[in-house]
Amino acid sequence: MLMLGQFQISSFELFQSPKQSGCCSSRSVPLPRTRFYSNRPGLIRAMADNDRSVEKLYMGMDFGTSGARFTVIDEQGVIRAEGKREYPPFMREESMDWVSSWKSTLFSLLEDIPITLRSLVSSISLDGTSATTLILNSESGEVLCQPFLYNQSCPDALPEVMSIAPANHTVCSGSSTLCKLVSWWNLKLPNRESAVLLHQADWLLWLLHGKLGVSDYNNALKVGYDPESESYPSWLISQPYSQLLPTVQAPGTSIGNLKDSITRQFGFPDDCIVCTGTTDSIAAFLAARATEPGKAVTSLGSTLAIKLLSTKRVDDARYGVYSHRLDDKWLVGGASNTGGAILRQLFSDEELEKLSREINPAVASPLDYYPLKSNGERFPIADPNLAPRLLPRPNSDVEYLHGILESIARIEGKGYKLLKEMGATEAEEVLTAGGGAKNDKWIKIRERVLGLPVSKAVHTEASYGASLLALKGAKQKRGQE
């Protein structure tokens, strides 16, 4: 168990190394400037200049649905620098060129790290959105099609996936990684056998370490990897597209050194390592440091994701419920398409802040909505055709926002109730991560609706959890030397 400041961080013990298992030009607009800050700006330069021989730092990056962040911590888990970027709107014809946008953002974040700190970064890890999938040429690394985004559904592949997978398996959802792989495979494109599947986090990390075809067992869950047996199951290995599956390691495992070209360009150490990552919601859970069964973390970003530490594994694709392995426990949860994205569509940040101040969180809103940006829901209802419900809209914007915040809280409550009914450890306390953690009125609304203690996590950003994985990987590597 590692002590970070006054807090115990046992999440480093939660990941055990598994066995190995087997395009057009883009136009862009200028990249928005980062908002860099440090909690102790004066100390950064002093430590970097005066104690360079012993100081080691660890970097984590979070690639969410609307933007990316980085966090740099020291050996004690103290944040030394943070920054964020919005994804630049690169366009391919009439659609977003996510590959170019993510890649540009990755290298912009590296450049945003203060130059006095870059030479001290010992390891790097990152997280990405769950089930965001890329198909690459296994030799050149060329991206062969537009990425399948986290909330994109492939209902055409679902019958085939359901015919080979166990009943109600995590992959039995149109938005699962496996459905996306099968949908692409069935296009029967030339040279489809010479391809490899990577998740968003895997691909971004590959840009840093250069070893194609490596994933982690959190990201690989929705393609069918079994974290309990630490292998791909036989029903998946027997399929012709199984050769596209990446090898799997535990999150926070050293893959290799940062590419020489990157160390030279940005001034990172020659021995800086790159570690396997995780999903955004798990990184947020790690950042919140909920280490006992019954502790839960709700991540309120563009979407709503809940994770509950349980002694029992629960998986049921009918409700979008799945479990990640954390040592001898299970991280049970699901992700809803409701969340901050719909709030940003309806209100500016300034409006959200102003209107929230006028809400009385002790009074229940009579308005009943299902706030979604577009049709489709994953959890606690798995329905790709579920339509948004945002009417009637009252004359008062305060009442409207109150109704939306309360409706999202009800969806969250249904999620935790569902997990309990399915046999997971009952939630006793909920910590909040993500941008929504900043809204104190929303926290009070959720506490009333959930009937549980709800508070803001000490660290609310998934990038902090990714930096803990980077620290874990560096410590493991040092222990092997």
Protein backbone atom coordinates (compact mmCIF):
# COMPACT_ATOMS: atom_id res chain seq x y z
CA MET A 1 0.00 0.00 0.00
CA LEU A 2 1.35 3.37 -0.98
CA MET A 3 0.90 6.53 1.04
CA LEU A 4 0.20 9.65 -0.98
CA GLY A 5 0.31 12.52 1.44
CA GLN A 6 -2.09 11.68 4.24
CA PHE A 7 -4.16 9.30 2.12
CA GLN A 8 -3.72 5.58 1.61
CA ILE A 9 -3.60 4.51 -2.01
CA SER A 10 -4.21 0.82 -2.25
CA SER A 11 -5.23 1.00 -5.91
CA PHE A 12 -1.66 0.11 -6.80
CA GLU A 13 -2.35 -3.34 -5.37
CA LEU A 14 -5.56 -3.69 -7.37
CA PHE A 15 -3.93 -4.44 -10.68
CA GLN A 16 -2.18 -7.77 -11.14
CA SER A 17 -0.25 -8.62 -14.29
CA PRO A 18 -2.22 -11.05 -16.45
CA LYS A 19 -0.84 -13.69 -18.74
CA GLN A 20 -0.10 -12.66 -22.33
CA SER A 21 -2.83 -13.50 -24.87
CA GLY A 22 -2.50 -13.97 -27.87
CA CYS A 23 -8.23 8.56 -45.27
CA CYS A 24 -8.02 11.86 -46.73
CA SER A 25 -6.06 15.02 -46.08
CA SER A 26 -7.43 17.20 -43.30
CA ARG A 27 -7.98 20.87 -42.85
CA SER A 28 -7.70 22.43 -39.43
CA VAL A 29 -8.16 25.57 -37.44
CA PRO A 30 -5.60 26.90 -34.93
CA LEU A 31 -5.37 24.83 -31.76
CA PRO A 32 -6.84 26.56 -28.70
CA ARG A 33 -4.33 27.54 -26.07
CA THR A 34 -4.04 25.40 -23.00
CA ARG A 35 -5.01 26.61 -19.58
CA PHE A 36 -1.88 25.61 -17.66
CA TYR A 37 -1.64 26.01 -13.95
CA SER A 38 0.19 24.51 -11.03
CA ASN A 39 -0.82 24.29 -7.41
CA ARG A 40 2.68 25.40 -6.40
CA PRO A 41 4.21 27.30 -9.31
CA GLY A 42 7.11 28.68 -7.31
CA LEU A 43 8.15 25.22 -6.15
CA ILE A 44 8.19 23.74 -9.64
CA ARG A 45 11.18 25.68 -10.88
CA ALA A 46 13.04 25.45 -7.58
CA MET A 47 12.74 21.67 -7.41
CA ALA A 48 13.54 21.22 -11.07
CA ASP A 49 16.64 23.41 -10.88
CA ASN A 50 17.99 22.49 -7.45
CA ASP A 51 17.17 18.80 -7.07
CA ARG A 52 17.31 17.52 -10.64
CA SER A 53 19.41 14.47 -9.73
CA VAL A 54 16.77 12.83 -7.53
CA GLU A 55 13.43 14.36 -8.50
CA LYS A 56 11.19 12.08 -10.57
CA LEU A 57 7.78 13.02 -11.92
CA TYR A 58 4.93 11.00 -13.44
CA MET A 59 2.52 12.12 -16.14
CA GLY A 60 -1.03 11.02 -16.83
CA MET A 61 -3.34 12.15 -19.62
CA ASP A 62 -7.11 11.83 -19.89
CA PHE A 63 -8.72 11.78 -23.33
CA GLY A 64 -12.40 12.35 -22.64
CA THR A 65 -15.31 12.93 -24.96
CA SER A 66 -14.84 16.68 -25.39
CA GLY A 67 -11.22 17.38 -24.54
CA ALA A 68 -8.02 16.16 -22.93
CA ARG A 69 -6.09 16.93 -19.74
CA PHE A 70 -2.68 16.18 -18.31
CA THR A 71 -1.53 15.92 -14.72
CA VAL A 72 2.06 15.65 -13.52
CA ILE A 73 2.66 14.34 -9.99
CA ASP A 74 5.69 13.62 -7.85
CA GLU A 75 6.54 10.47 -5.89
CA GLN A 76 4.15 11.46 -3.08
CA GLY A 77 1.24 12.04 -5.43
CA VAL A 78 1.42 15.82 -5.14
CA ILE A 79 0.24 17.58 -8.29
CA ARG A 80 3.07 19.53 -9.85
CA ALA A 81 1.38 20.72 -13.05
CA GLU A 82 -1.95 20.44 -14.83
CA GLY A 83 -3.36 21.62 -18.12
CA LYS A 84 -6.11 20.94 -20.61
CA ARG A 85 -6.95 21.25 -24.29
CA GLU A 86 -10.13 21.18 -26.28
CA TYR A 87 -10.06 18.95 -29.34
CA PRO A 88 -9.32 21.07 -32.42
CA PRO A 89 -12.04 20.72 -35.09
CA PHE A 90 -10.12 18.99 -37.85
CA MET A 91 -12.60 18.04 -40.54
CA ARG A 92 -12.69 15.26 -43.10
CA GLU A 93 -15.26 16.21 -45.70
CA GLU A 94 -18.31 17.00 -43.53
CA SER A 95 -17.37 14.97 -40.45
CA MET A 96 -14.93 15.33 -37.59
CA ASP A 97 -11.48 13.87 -38.26
CA TRP A 98 -10.97 12.43 -34.79
CA VAL A 99 -7.67 10.72 -35.62
CA SER A 100 -5.99 14.01 -36.54
CA SER A 101 -7.65 15.84 -33.65
CA TRP A 102 -6.58 13.32 -30.99
CA LYS A 103 -3.04 13.10 -32.34
CA SER A 104 -2.66 16.87 -32.46
CA THR A 105 -4.00 17.17 -28.92
CA LEU A 106 -1.62 14.48 -27.63
CA PHE A 107 1.47 16.28 -28.83
CA SER A 108 0.09 19.66 -27.76
CA LEU A 109 -0.26 18.34 -24.20
CA LEU A 110 3.34 17.12 -24.26
CA GLU A 111 4.42 20.58 -25.37
CA ASP A 112 2.28 22.21 -22.66
CA ILE A 113 4.30 20.62 -19.86
CA PRO A 114 6.66 23.30 -18.50
CA ILE A 115 10.06 22.70 -20.04
CA THR A 116 11.66 22.69 -16.57
CA LEU A 117 9.59 19.60 -15.71
CA ARG A 118 9.82 17.56 -18.90
CA SER A 119 13.32 16.27 -18.19
CA LEU A 120 12.08 14.91 -14.84
CA VAL A 121 9.15 12.85 -16.18
CA SER A 122 9.96 9.20 -15.48
CA SER A 123 6.85 7.57 -16.93
CA ILE A 124 3.67 8.33 -18.87
CA SER A 125 0.24 6.70 -19.01
CA LEU A 126 -3.17 7.78 -20.24
CA ASP A 127 -6.82 6.85 -20.38
CA GLY A 128 -9.38 6.98 -23.18
CA THR A 129 -13.11 6.61 -23.60
CA SER A 130 -14.33 3.05 -23.23
CA ALA A 131 -15.17 1.16 -26.46
CA THR A 132 -13.76 3.87 -28.72
CA THR A 133 -12.21 1.65 -31.38
CA LEU A 134 -9.67 2.02 -34.18
CA ILE A 135 -8.69 -0.49 -36.88
CA LEU A 136 -5.11 -0.16 -38.15
CA ASN A 137 -2.88 -1.79 -40.72
CA SER A 138 -0.78 -4.13 -38.58
CA GLU A 139 2.41 -3.32 -40.52
CA SER A 140 2.24 0.39 -41.29
CA GLY A 141 -0.05 1.55 -38.46
CA GLU A 142 -2.27 3.36 -40.98
CA VAL A 143 -5.79 3.91 -39.67
CA LEU A 144 -8.06 1.98 -42.03
CA CYS A 145 -11.39 3.63 -41.26
CA GLN A 146 -12.98 6.35 -39.20
CA PRO A 147 -12.82 5.50 -35.48
CA PHE A 148 -15.88 3.91 -33.93
CA LEU A 149 -16.75 6.29 -31.09
CA TYR A 150 -17.66 5.16 -27.57
CA ASN A 151 -21.41 5.68 -28.05
CA GLN A 152 -21.62 4.47 -31.64
CA SER A 153 -23.84 1.44 -32.06
CA CYS A 154 -23.44 -1.32 -34.65
CA PRO A 155 -26.77 -3.16 -34.47
CA ASP A 156 -25.96 -4.99 -37.73
CA ALA A 157 -23.31 -7.02 -35.90
CA LEU A 158 -25.29 -7.70 -32.73
CA PRO A 159 -27.09 -10.90 -33.87
CA GLU A 160 -23.77 -12.47 -34.88
CA VAL A 161 -22.09 -11.48 -31.62
CA MET A 162 -25.02 -12.77 -29.57
CA SER A 163 -24.83 -16.10 -31.42
CA ILE A 164 -21.25 -16.77 -30.24
CA ALA A 165 -21.05 -15.05 -26.84
CA PRO A 166 -22.58 -16.29 -23.57
CA ALA A 167 -26.03 -14.92 -22.82
CA ASN A 168 -26.06 -11.34 -21.55
CA HIS A 169 -22.29 -11.02 -21.94
CA THR A 170 -20.80 -7.52 -21.90
CA VAL A 171 -20.14 -7.74 -25.65
CA CYS A 172 -23.85 -8.30 -26.34
CA SER A 173 -24.49 -4.63 -26.85
CA GLY A 174 -24.47 -2.79 -30.15
CA SER A 175 -21.95 -0.28 -28.78
CA SER A 176 -19.47 -2.94 -27.58
CA THR A 177 -16.01 -3.03 -29.09
CA LEU A 178 -16.65 -6.53 -30.42
CA CYS A 179 -19.75 -5.43 -32.32
CA LYS A 180 -17.71 -2.66 -33.90
CA LEU A 181 -14.99 -5.12 -34.90
CA VAL A 182 -17.50 -7.58 -36.39
CA SER A 183 -19.31 -4.82 -38.25
CA TRP A 184 -16.04 -3.71 -39.85
CA TRP A 185 -14.92 -7.28 -40.57
CA ASN A 186 -18.17 -8.03 -42.40
CA LEU A 187 -17.47 -5.25 -44.90
CA LYS A 188 -14.98 -7.73 -46.41
CA LEU A 189 -12.46 -5.05 -47.28
CA PRO A 190 -9.16 -6.00 -48.99
CA ASN A 191 -6.36 -7.14 -46.68
CA ARG A 192 -8.65 -7.18 -43.65
CA GLU A 193 -6.52 -10.00 -42.22
CA SER A 194 -3.54 -7.61 -42.03
CA ALA A 195 -5.15 -5.39 -39.46
CA VAL A 196 -5.07 -4.85 -35.71
CA LEU A 197 -7.68 -3.48 -33.33
CA LEU A 198 -6.72 -0.84 -30.82
CA HIS A 199 -8.72 1.19 -28.37
CA GLN A 200 -8.34 4.96 -28.20
CA ALA A 201 -5.93 4.76 -25.26
CA ASP A 202 -3.92 1.95 -26.91
CA TRP A 203 -3.52 3.95 -30.12
CA LEU A 204 -2.45 7.15 -28.38
CA LEU A 205 0.08 5.23 -26.31
CA TRP A 206 1.36 3.50 -29.47
CA LEU A 207 2.15 6.94 -30.88
CA LEU A 208 4.44 7.34 -27.86
CA HIS A 209 6.13 3.91 -27.60
CA GLY A 210 5.87 2.53 -31.14
CA LYS A 211 4.99 -1.10 -30.27
CA LEU A 212 1.81 -1.86 -32.20
CA GLY A 213 -0.85 -4.17 -30.75
CA VAL A 214 -0.75 -3.68 -26.97
CA SER A 215 -3.81 -3.03 -24.77
CA ASP A 216 -4.85 -3.24 -21.12
CA TYR A 217 -7.50 -5.45 -19.57
CA ASN A 218 -9.82 -2.57 -18.71
CA ASN A 219 -10.08 -1.36 -22.30
CA ALA A 220 -10.16 -4.93 -23.65
CA LEU A 221 -13.16 -5.97 -21.56
CA LYS A 222 -15.73 -4.89 -24.16
CA VAL A 223 -13.99 -6.75 -26.96
CA GLY A 224 -14.46 -9.97 -24.98
CA TYR A 225 -11.31 -10.32 -22.86
CA ASP A 226 -11.97 -12.23 -19.64
CA PRO A 227 -10.18 -10.57 -16.70
CA GLU A 228 -10.99 -13.50 -14.44
CA SER A 229 -9.20 -16.12 -16.55
CA GLU A 230 -6.76 -13.49 -17.83
CA SER A 231 -7.24 -14.54 -21.45
CA TYR A 232 -9.50 -14.24 -24.46
CA PRO A 233 -12.23 -16.93 -24.22
CA SER A 234 -12.31 -19.87 -26.63
CA TRP A 235 -15.58 -18.73 -28.23
CA LEU A 236 -13.76 -15.54 -29.31
CA ILE A 237 -10.40 -17.08 -30.25
CA SER A 238 -12.18 -19.44 -32.67
CA GLN A 239 -13.46 -16.54 -34.79
CA PRO A 240 -11.56 -15.53 -37.96
CA TYR A 241 -11.17 -11.92 -36.80
CA SER A 242 -9.52 -12.95 -33.51
CA GLN A 243 -6.12 -12.37 -35.12
CA LEU A 244 -6.89 -8.64 -34.97
CA LEU A 245 -7.09 -8.67 -31.17
CA PRO A 246 -4.29 -6.93 -29.26
CA THR A 247 -2.17 -8.52 -26.56
CA VAL A 248 -3.33 -7.57 -23.07
CA GLN A 249 -1.44 -6.44 -20.00
CA ALA A 250 -2.46 -5.03 -16.64
CA PRO A 251 -3.09 -1.28 -16.50
CA GLY A 252 0.05 0.56 -15.46
CA THR A 253 2.49 -1.99 -16.93
CA SER A 254 5.63 -0.70 -18.64
CA ILE A 255 5.44 -1.29 -22.40
CA GLY A 256 8.74 0.29 -23.34
CA ASN A 257 10.64 3.55 -23.53
CA LEU A 258 9.29 6.72 -25.03
CA LYS A 259 10.27 6.93 -28.71
CA ASP A 260 13.63 8.57 -29.34
CA SER A 261 12.10 11.11 -31.71
CA ILE A 262 9.75 12.31 -28.98
CA THR A 263 12.41 12.51 -26.27
CA ARG A 264 14.56 14.60 -28.61
CA GLN A 265 11.69 16.85 -29.70
CA PHE A 266 10.31 17.58 -26.24
CA GLY A 267 13.24 17.03 -23.91
CA PHE A 268 11.99 14.01 -21.96
CA PRO A 269 14.57 11.69 -20.37
CA ASP A 270 15.99 8.90 -22.51
CA ASP A 271 14.76 6.32 -19.99
CA CYS A 272 11.19 7.69 -19.72
CA ILE A 273 8.80 4.72 -20.00
CA VAL A 274 5.29 4.45 -21.40
CA CYS A 275 2.79 2.33 -19.44
CA THR A 276 -0.48 0.68 -20.40
CA GLY A 277 -3.52 2.80 -19.68
CA THR A 278 -7.15 2.32 -18.77
CA THR A 279 -10.60 3.75 -19.51
CA ASP A 280 -11.62 7.26 -18.51
CA SER A 281 -14.14 6.18 -15.88
CA ILE A 282 -11.71 3.75 -14.22
CA ALA A 283 -9.02 6.44 -14.17
CA ALA A 284 -11.53 8.71 -12.42
CA PHE A 285 -12.23 5.93 -9.92
CA LEU A 286 -8.52 5.49 -9.20
CA ALA A 287 -8.13 9.24 -8.79
CA ALA A 288 -10.94 9.35 -6.24
CA ARG A 289 -9.23 6.63 -4.18
CA ALA A 290 -12.31 4.69 -3.15
CA THR A 291 -10.73 1.50 -1.83
CA GLU A 292 -13.40 -0.31 0.26
CA PRO A 293 -16.40 -2.37 -0.95
CA GLY A 294 -19.51 -0.20 -1.02
CA LYS A 295 -17.56 2.88 -2.03
CA ALA A 296 -18.65 4.26 -5.39
CA VAL A 297 -17.56 6.95 -7.80
CA THR A 298 -19.84 8.78 -10.19
CA SER A 299 -17.96 10.50 -12.99
CA LEU A 300 -19.94 13.48 -14.27
CA GLY A 301 -18.26 14.44 -17.50
CA SER A 302 -19.89 14.70 -20.91
CA THR A 303 -21.53 11.41 -19.97
CA LEU A 304 -22.43 9.83 -16.63
CA ALA A 305 -20.44 6.78 -15.53
CA ILE A 306 -20.80 4.98 -12.22
CA LYS A 307 -18.35 2.55 -10.68
CA LEU A 308 -18.95 0.59 -7.46
CA LEU A 309 -16.34 -1.49 -5.66
CA SER A 310 -17.96 -4.86 -5.05
CA THR A 311 -16.99 -8.27 -3.70
CA LYS A 312 -19.14 -9.88 -6.41
CA ARG A 313 -18.77 -9.69 -10.17
CA VAL A 314 -21.90 -8.60 -12.04
CA ASP A 315 -22.28 -8.57 -15.83
CA ASP A 316 -25.48 -8.21 -17.84
CA ALA A 317 -25.53 -6.62 -21.28
CA ARG A 318 -29.32 -6.27 -21.13
CA TYR A 319 -28.77 -3.34 -18.78
CA GLY A 320 -25.32 -2.18 -19.84
CA VAL A 321 -23.75 -3.54 -16.64
CA TYR A 322 -20.21 -4.90 -16.59
CA SER A 323 -17.38 -5.55 -14.12
CA HIS A 324 -13.69 -4.76 -14.25
CA ARG A 325 -11.31 -6.78 -12.13
CA LEU A 326 -9.48 -4.94 -9.36
CA ASP A 327 -7.27 -7.45 -7.57
CA ASP A 328 -9.62 -9.68 -5.53
CA LYS A 329 -12.58 -7.31 -5.96
CA TRP A 330 -14.68 -6.09 -8.85
CA LEU A 331 -15.41 -2.65 -10.14
CA VAL A 332 -19.05 -2.90 -11.21
CA GLY A 333 -20.84 -0.24 -13.17
CA GLY A 334 -22.11 1.21 -16.37
CA ALA A 335 -22.10 4.37 -18.43
CA SER A 336 -25.12 6.43 -19.44
CA ASN A 337 -25.25 8.79 -22.41
CA THR A 338 -26.80 11.45 -20.22
CA GLY A 339 -24.51 13.97 -18.52
CA GLY A 340 -22.72 17.21 -19.06
CA ALA A 341 -22.88 17.15 -22.87
CA ILE A 342 -26.59 17.91 -22.89
CA LEU A 343 -26.10 20.62 -20.27
CA ARG A 344 -23.49 22.32 -22.47
CA GLN A 345 -25.85 22.07 -25.42
CA LEU A 346 -28.55 23.94 -23.55
CA PHE A 347 -26.56 26.35 -21.35
CA SER A 348 -23.24 28.17 -21.39
CA ASP A 349 -20.81 27.64 -18.51
CA GLU A 350 -21.69 31.09 -17.20
CA GLU A 351 -25.41 30.30 -17.32
CA LEU A 352 -24.91 26.99 -15.55
CA GLU A 353 -23.02 28.70 -12.75
CA LYS A 354 -25.49 31.57 -12.40
CA LEU A 355 -28.67 29.48 -12.62
CA SER A 356 -27.34 26.82 -10.24
CA ARG A 357 -26.92 29.44 -7.52
CA GLU A 358 -30.70 30.07 -7.60
CA ILE A 359 -31.69 26.40 -7.25
CA ASN A 360 -32.96 25.14 -3.90
CA PRO A 361 -31.54 21.58 -3.80
CA ALA A 362 -33.74 20.59 -0.85
CA VAL A 363 -36.88 20.88 -3.00
CA ALA A 364 -37.61 18.12 -5.51
CA SER A 365 -38.28 19.18 -9.08
CA PRO A 366 -41.61 17.95 -10.51
CA LEU A 367 -40.14 17.89 -14.03
CA ASP A 368 -39.37 14.45 -15.44
CA TYR A 369 -36.84 14.35 -18.28
CA TYR A 370 -34.44 11.89 -19.88
CA PRO A 371 -31.65 14.26 -20.95
CA LEU A 372 -29.81 12.94 -24.02
CA LYS A 373 -28.12 14.73 -26.92
CA SER A 374 -29.47 12.19 -29.41
CA ASN A 375 -31.29 8.88 -29.56
CA GLY A 376 -29.70 5.97 -27.74
CA GLU A 377 -28.93 4.90 -24.17
CA ARG A 378 -26.47 2.38 -22.74
CA PHE A 379 -27.20 2.22 -18.98
CA PRO A 380 -29.27 1.70 -16.84
CA ILE A 381 -31.42 1.14 -19.93
CA ALA A 382 -29.71 -0.42 -22.94
CA ASP A 383 -31.78 0.92 -25.82
CA PRO A 384 -30.11 2.31 -28.96
CA ASN A 385 -33.41 3.93 -29.95
CA LEU A 386 -34.31 5.63 -26.66
CA ALA A 387 -35.32 9.18 -27.52
CA PRO A 388 -34.33 12.26 -25.49
CA ARG A 389 -37.05 13.74 -23.31
CA LEU A 390 -36.49 17.44 -22.60
CA LEU A 391 -40.01 18.84 -22.74
CA PRO A 392 -42.06 20.58 -21.51
CA ARG A 393 -39.67 23.48 -20.94
CA PRO A 394 -40.87 25.90 -18.24
CA ASN A 395 -40.53 29.65 -18.66
CA SER A 396 -37.96 29.78 -15.88
CA ASP A 397 -34.45 28.69 -16.88
CA VAL A 398 -33.74 28.01 -13.20
CA GLU A 399 -36.63 25.53 -13.05
CA TYR A 400 -35.53 23.97 -16.34
CA LEU A 401 -31.95 23.43 -15.17
CA HIS A 402 -33.23 22.15 -11.82
CA GLY A 403 -35.39 19.60 -13.63
CA ILE A 404 -32.51 18.42 -15.82
CA LEU A 405 -30.07 18.09 -12.92
CA GLU A 406 -32.65 16.18 -10.89
CA SER A 407 -33.52 13.91 -13.82
CA ILE A 408 -29.85 13.01 -14.33
CA ALA A 409 -29.65 12.27 -10.59
CA ARG A 410 -32.64 9.93 -10.92
CA ILE A 411 -30.90 8.07 -13.73
CA GLU A 412 -27.84 7.75 -11.49
CA GLY A 413 -30.05 6.46 -8.68
CA LYS A 414 -31.64 3.87 -10.96
CA GLY A 415 -28.14 2.72 -11.85
CA TYR A 416 -27.07 2.10 -8.26
CA LYS A 417 -30.41 0.46 -7.47
CA LEU A 418 -29.98 -1.86 -10.44
CA LEU A 419 -26.48 -2.90 -9.34
CA LYS A 420 -27.81 -3.78 -5.89
CA GLU A 421 -30.69 -5.81 -7.36
CA MET A 422 -28.21 -7.73 -9.50
CA GLY A 423 -26.17 -8.76 -6.46
CA ALA A 424 -23.38 -6.21 -6.25
CA THR A 425 -22.27 -4.84 -2.89
CA GLU A 426 -24.72 -2.13 -1.86
CA ALA A 427 -23.44 1.41 -2.33
CA GLU A 428 -22.73 3.17 0.97
CA GLU A 429 -21.03 6.35 -0.19
CA VAL A 430 -20.64 8.12 -3.51
CA LEU A 431 -17.66 10.24 -4.45
CA THR A 432 -17.96 12.55 -7.43
CA ALA A 433 -15.42 13.12 -10.18
CA GLY A 434 -15.45 14.98 -13.47
CA GLY A 435 -16.58 18.50 -14.28
CA GLY A 436 -19.95 18.02 -12.61
CA ALA A 437 -18.19 17.63 -9.25
CA LYS A 438 -17.75 21.42 -9.20
CA ASN A 439 -21.50 22.03 -8.91
CA ASP A 440 -22.28 22.00 -5.18
CA LYS A 441 -26.04 22.36 -5.73
CA TRP A 442 -26.03 19.29 -7.96
CA ILE A 443 -24.18 17.32 -5.28
CA LYS A 444 -26.90 18.21 -2.75
CA ILE A 445 -29.63 17.25 -5.22
CA ARG A 446 -27.96 13.91 -5.86
CA GLU A 447 -27.51 13.27 -2.13
CA ARG A 448 -31.26 13.73 -1.62
CA VAL A 449 -32.23 11.62 -4.64
CA LEU A 450 -29.75 8.79 -3.94
CA GLY A 451 -30.31 8.75 -0.18
CA LEU A 452 -26.54 8.36 0.28
CA PRO A 453 -23.66 10.55 1.40
CA VAL A 454 -22.34 12.29 -1.72
CA SER A 455 -19.17 14.35 -1.79
CA LYS A 456 -16.54 15.65 -4.15
CA ALA A 457 -13.52 13.40 -4.49
CA VAL A 458 -10.19 14.79 -3.31
CA HIS A 459 -8.96 14.45 -6.87
CA THR A 460 -11.70 14.73 -9.46
CA GLU A 461 -9.84 14.41 -12.76
CA ALA A 462 -9.23 11.14 -14.57
CA SER A 463 -5.81 12.45 -15.61
CA TYR A 464 -4.76 12.19 -11.95
CA GLY A 465 -5.73 8.50 -11.97
CA ALA A 466 -3.69 8.04 -15.14
CA SER A 467 -0.70 9.66 -13.45
CA LEU A 468 -1.06 7.15 -10.60
CA LEU A 469 -0.82 4.37 -13.21
CA ALA A 470 2.35 5.99 -14.55
CA LEU A 471 3.76 6.04 -11.02
CA LYS A 472 2.76 2.40 -10.51
CA GLY A 473 4.48 1.34 -13.73
CA ALA A 474 7.68 3.18 -12.82
CA LYS A 475 7.77 1.62 -9.34
CA GLN A 476 7.20 -1.87 -10.79
CA LYS A 477 9.96 -1.40 -13.34
CA ARG A 478 12.38 -0.17 -10.69
CA GLY A 479 11.53 -3.24 -8.60
CA GLN A 480 12.46 -5.50 -11.53
CA GLU A 481 15.84 -3.88 -12.07
